[in-house]
Protein backbone atom coordinates (compact mmCIF):
# COMPACT_ATOMS: atom_id res chain seq x y z
CA UNK A 1 71.86 140.88 104.01
CA UNK A 2 75.55 141.52 103.31
CA UNK A 3 76.55 139.60 106.46
CA UNK A 4 74.52 136.58 105.37
CA UNK A 5 76.09 136.71 101.93
CA UNK A 6 79.58 136.85 103.42
CA UNK A 7 78.79 133.99 105.81
CA UNK A 8 77.41 131.92 102.94
CA UNK A 9 80.55 132.58 100.86
CA UNK A 10 82.87 131.60 103.73
CA UNK A 11 80.90 128.43 104.43
CA UNK A 12 80.82 127.55 100.75
CA UNK A 13 84.59 127.95 100.39
CA UNK A 14 85.21 125.90 103.53
CA UNK A 15 82.84 123.15 102.38
CA UNK A 16 84.43 122.99 98.91
CA UNK A 17 87.84 122.63 100.55
CA UNK A 18 86.61 119.75 102.69
CA UNK A 19 85.02 117.97 99.73
CA UNK A 20 88.15 118.28 97.60
CA UNK A 21 90.45 117.09 100.38
CA UNK A 22 91.03 113.42 99.61
CA UNK A 23 94.05 112.81 101.81
CA UNK A 24 93.93 109.33 103.25
CA UNK A 25 91.38 107.96 100.80
CA UNK A 26 93.96 105.77 99.09
CA UNK A 27 94.99 104.39 102.46
CA UNK A 28 91.39 103.47 103.21
CA UNK A 29 91.13 101.72 99.84
CA UNK A 30 94.23 99.64 100.59
CA UNK A 31 92.87 98.77 104.04
CA UNK A 32 89.63 97.62 102.42
CA UNK A 33 91.50 95.45 99.93
CA UNK A 34 93.61 93.97 102.72
CA UNK A 35 90.47 93.18 104.73
CA UNK A 36 88.94 91.35 101.76
CA UNK A 37 92.14 89.35 101.26
CA UNK A 38 92.24 88.39 104.94
CA UNK A 39 88.61 87.26 104.82
CA UNK A 40 89.17 85.20 101.66
CA UNK A 41 92.28 83.56 103.13
CA UNK A 42 90.37 82.79 106.33
CA UNK A 43 87.49 81.20 104.42
CA UNK A 44 89.87 79.13 102.29
CA UNK A 45 91.91 77.97 105.27
CA UNK A 46 88.73 77.02 107.13
CA UNK A 47 87.43 75.17 104.09
CA UNK A 48 90.59 73.10 103.73
CA UNK A 49 91.16 72.36 107.41
CA UNK A 50 89.98 69.19 109.07
CA UNK A 51 87.61 66.69 107.54
CA UNK A 52 85.05 69.06 106.05
CA UNK A 53 83.11 68.20 102.92
CA UNK A 54 83.22 71.78 101.63
CA UNK A 55 87.01 71.68 101.31
CA UNK A 56 86.86 68.39 99.43
CA UNK A 57 84.23 69.80 97.06
CA UNK A 58 86.37 72.86 96.35
CA UNK A 59 89.44 70.72 95.64
CA UNK A 60 87.39 68.52 93.30
CA UNK A 61 86.01 71.55 91.40
CA UNK A 62 89.51 73.01 91.00
CA UNK A 63 90.84 69.65 89.82
CA UNK A 64 88.01 69.36 87.30
CA UNK A 65 88.66 72.88 85.98
CA UNK A 66 92.39 72.18 85.62
CA UNK A 67 91.65 68.97 83.72
CA UNK A 68 89.31 70.85 81.37
CA UNK A 69 91.93 73.55 80.72
CA UNK A 70 94.56 70.91 80.00
CA UNK A 71 92.22 68.99 77.71
CA UNK A 72 92.04 66.00 80.02
CA UNK A 73 88.32 66.17 80.77
CA UNK A 74 86.73 68.17 77.97
CA UNK A 75 82.99 68.39 77.64
């Protein structure tokens, strides 16, 4: 029984060390943020390229919002 208790203690200490080790987690967070930015930029560039209706709709919505902020098209 003593051997099992010692083995359990060693495994528990090792597992706690692994759980508390957060090296690299901040790097992964920054990589995730960068991936989101790349996706957003890709979607925006696709929306505004060529003769697509989606890009025109987005430009119109932004123009309408800017007019409302400036007081030019209040509701």
